[in-house]
Amino acid sequence: MSRPSTLTPAGAARLRQALNREYDRIENARRLVREQREANEQESLGLVEAQQHLIAVEMRIAELEEILAQAVIFTDQQDDRVTLGCTVVLRDVDTGHEIHVQLVSPAEVNLPGGAVTRLSSLSPVGAALLDRRAGEAFTVTTGRREVTYMVQQVTFEG
């Protein structure tokens, strides 16, 4: 059993939506397997592909169910510091380029939906961003260069 994930309420909702989509997909995959079994022997390759798809969907459902069962939903914004669920405006001090990111757990990064780019709290920038306040600067190595970011704004989305 995996260790619990800390999720934002929005991330937990997106995971539940993804799980519901997978439940729909598994019904379609099961139907396809039944149809392929009823088809003639010359179409056995289609049966193998349908069975592989069914297994993949079942595995994804199990993964999502486990994440949600073990999840701790983070809803507590202590003060004006960056925590999970915060949307942050960062400015690259050298270029002046601004980016808007939401700090989330690794389990939430690749989920569909959301208006801003999600940034894992375990990524180099995400880890350096935790507990910062607006007006603070920090330097992080990204790839082959060091980047200094200024925290422009912190908003808790919950």
Protein backbone atom coordinates (compact mmCIF):
# COMPACT_ATOMS: atom_id res chain seq x y z
CA MET A 1 0.00 0.00 0.00
CA SER A 2 1.34 3.43 -0.91
CA ARG A 3 1.73 6.31 1.49
CA PRO A 4 -1.00 8.94 1.65
CA SER A 5 -0.98 11.82 -0.82
CA THR A 6 -1.83 15.32 0.30
CA LEU A 7 -4.33 16.77 -2.16
CA THR A 8 -6.02 20.11 -2.56
CA PRO A 9 -9.83 19.97 -2.60
CA ALA A 10 -9.78 20.87 -6.31
CA GLY A 11 -7.22 18.15 -6.98
CA ALA A 12 -9.32 15.57 -5.14
CA ALA A 13 -12.34 16.62 -7.22
CA ARG A 14 -10.32 16.27 -10.44
CA LEU A 15 -9.17 12.80 -9.33
CA ARG A 16 -12.78 11.78 -8.65
CA GLN A 17 -13.76 13.04 -12.12
CA ALA A 18 -10.91 11.06 -13.67
CA LEU A 19 -12.03 7.98 -11.76
CA ASN A 20 -15.60 8.39 -13.03
CA ARG A 21 -14.29 8.68 -16.60
CA GLU A 22 -12.32 5.47 -16.07
CA TYR A 23 -15.46 3.71 -14.80
CA ASP A 24 -17.12 4.68 -18.10
CA ARG A 25 -14.11 3.50 -20.08
CA ILE A 26 -14.05 0.12 -18.35
CA GLU A 27 -17.66 -0.52 -19.29
CA ASN A 28 -16.82 0.23 -22.91
CA ALA A 29 -13.72 -1.98 -22.74
CA ARG A 30 -15.70 -4.88 -21.26
CA ARG A 31 -18.30 -4.51 -24.01
CA LEU A 32 -15.56 -4.58 -26.64
CA VAL A 33 -14.04 -7.75 -25.14
CA ARG A 34 -17.46 -9.44 -25.21
CA GLU A 35 -17.95 -8.43 -28.84
CA GLN A 36 -14.50 -9.66 -29.82
CA ARG A 37 -15.10 -13.02 -28.13
CA GLU A 38 -18.26 -13.42 -30.18
CA ALA A 39 -16.46 -12.56 -33.44
CA ASN A 40 -14.81 -15.23 -35.55
CA GLU A 41 -11.30 -16.58 -34.92
CA GLN A 42 -9.72 -14.40 -37.63
CA GLU A 43 -10.31 -11.37 -35.45
CA SER A 44 -8.48 -12.77 -32.42
CA LEU A 45 -5.91 -9.95 -32.59
CA GLY A 46 -8.75 -7.54 -31.81
CA LEU A 47 -9.61 -9.63 -28.75
CA VAL A 48 -6.04 -9.45 -27.47
CA GLU A 49 -5.97 -5.67 -27.94
CA ALA A 50 -9.35 -5.31 -26.23
CA GLN A 51 -8.18 -7.42 -23.29
CA GLN A 52 -4.98 -5.38 -22.96
CA HIS A 53 -7.02 -2.16 -22.99
CA LEU A 54 -9.33 -3.59 -20.32
CA ILE A 55 -6.36 -4.50 -18.12
CA ALA A 56 -4.88 -1.00 -18.52
CA VAL A 57 -8.17 0.65 -17.54
CA GLU A 58 -8.56 -1.67 -14.54
CA MET A 59 -5.05 -0.77 -13.38
CA ARG A 60 -5.75 2.97 -13.74
CA ILE A 61 -8.97 2.59 -11.73
CA ALA A 62 -7.13 0.74 -8.98
CA GLU A 63 -4.46 3.46 -8.92
CA LEU A 64 -7.01 6.29 -8.68
CA GLU A 65 -9.05 4.47 -6.03
CA GLU A 66 -5.95 3.92 -3.92
CA ILE A 67 -4.82 7.54 -4.21
CA LEU A 68 -8.26 8.79 -3.18
CA ALA A 69 -8.61 6.24 -0.36
CA GLN A 70 -5.25 7.26 1.12
CA ALA A 71 -5.55 11.00 0.41
CA VAL A 72 -5.36 13.69 3.03
CA ILE A 73 -7.23 16.75 1.77
CA PHE A 74 -5.31 19.96 2.52
CA THR A 75 -7.61 22.89 3.25
CA ASP A 76 -5.73 24.84 5.89
CA GLN A 77 -4.11 28.10 4.84
CA GLN A 78 -2.10 29.21 7.90
CA ASP A 79 -1.14 32.72 6.81
CA ASP A 80 0.15 34.47 3.71
CA ARG A 81 2.80 31.82 3.05
CA VAL A 82 2.83 29.56 -0.01
CA THR A 83 1.27 26.16 0.72
CA LEU A 84 -0.40 23.45 -1.33
CA GLY A 85 -3.29 24.86 -3.31
CA CYS A 86 -1.88 28.37 -3.55
CA THR A 87 -1.76 30.14 -6.87
CA VAL A 88 1.44 32.13 -7.11
CA VAL A 89 2.67 34.79 -9.51
CA LEU A 90 6.44 34.47 -9.96
CA ARG A 91 8.67 36.94 -11.79
CA ASP A 92 12.01 35.90 -13.24
CA VAL A 93 14.26 38.64 -11.85
CA ASP A 94 16.62 38.56 -14.87
CA THR A 95 14.05 38.60 -17.68
CA GLY A 96 11.00 40.14 -15.98
CA HIS A 97 8.87 37.28 -17.35
CA GLU A 98 5.93 36.42 -15.06
CA ILE A 99 4.40 32.98 -14.65
CA HIS A 100 1.28 31.91 -12.79
CA VAL A 101 1.47 28.51 -11.10
CA GLN A 102 -0.55 26.53 -8.60
CA LEU A 103 1.46 24.52 -6.09
CA VAL A 104 0.05 20.98 -5.84
CA SER A 105 1.04 17.49 -4.76
CA PRO A 106 2.72 15.23 -7.33
CA ALA A 107 -0.54 13.25 -7.68
CA GLU A 108 -2.31 16.36 -9.01
CA VAL A 109 0.22 17.66 -11.53
CA ASN A 110 -0.99 15.81 -14.63
CA LEU A 111 -4.72 15.91 -14.00
CA PRO A 112 -6.82 17.63 -16.66
CA GLY A 113 -8.51 20.93 -15.90
CA GLY A 114 -7.44 24.00 -14.03
CA ALA A 115 -6.76 27.50 -15.27
CA VAL A 116 -3.04 27.74 -14.43
CA THR A 117 0.00 25.51 -14.73
CA ARG A 118 0.26 23.10 -11.81
CA LEU A 119 3.66 22.81 -10.17
CA SER A 120 4.63 19.84 -8.01
CA SER A 121 5.65 20.63 -4.45
CA LEU A 122 8.49 18.12 -4.96
CA SER A 123 9.92 19.84 -8.06
CA PRO A 124 12.96 22.08 -7.52
CA VAL A 125 10.94 25.28 -7.98
CA GLY A 126 7.98 23.94 -5.99
CA ALA A 127 10.13 22.84 -3.06
CA ALA A 128 11.92 26.22 -3.00
CA LEU A 129 8.58 28.03 -3.21
CA LEU A 130 6.99 26.38 -0.15
CA ASP A 131 6.55 28.74 2.82
CA ARG A 132 7.59 31.85 0.82
CA ARG A 133 5.67 35.12 1.02
CA ALA A 134 4.98 37.83 -1.54
CA GLY A 135 8.07 40.00 -1.88
CA GLU A 136 10.54 37.19 -1.19
CA ALA A 137 13.08 36.09 -3.78
CA PHE A 138 14.68 32.68 -4.16
CA THR A 139 17.18 31.10 -6.51
CA VAL A 140 16.83 27.64 -7.96
CA THR A 141 18.77 25.61 -10.51
CA THR A 142 16.60 24.62 -13.45
CA GLY A 143 18.38 22.55 -16.05
CA ARG A 144 21.70 24.22 -16.75
CA ARG A 145 21.01 27.64 -15.29
CA GLU A 146 20.18 29.31 -12.04
CA VAL A 147 16.99 31.36 -11.98
CA THR A 148 16.05 33.89 -9.35
CA TYR A 149 12.32 34.31 -8.90
CA MET A 150 10.49 37.01 -6.99
CA VAL A 151 7.17 35.99 -5.43
CA GLN A 152 4.79 38.68 -6.68
CA GLN A 153 1.46 37.42 -5.34
CA VAL A 154 0.12 34.50 -3.28
CA THR A 155 -3.56 33.50 -3.43
CA PHE A 156 -5.00 30.49 -1.64
CA GLU A 157 -7.47 28.65 -3.84
CA GLY A 158 -8.37 25.85 -1.41
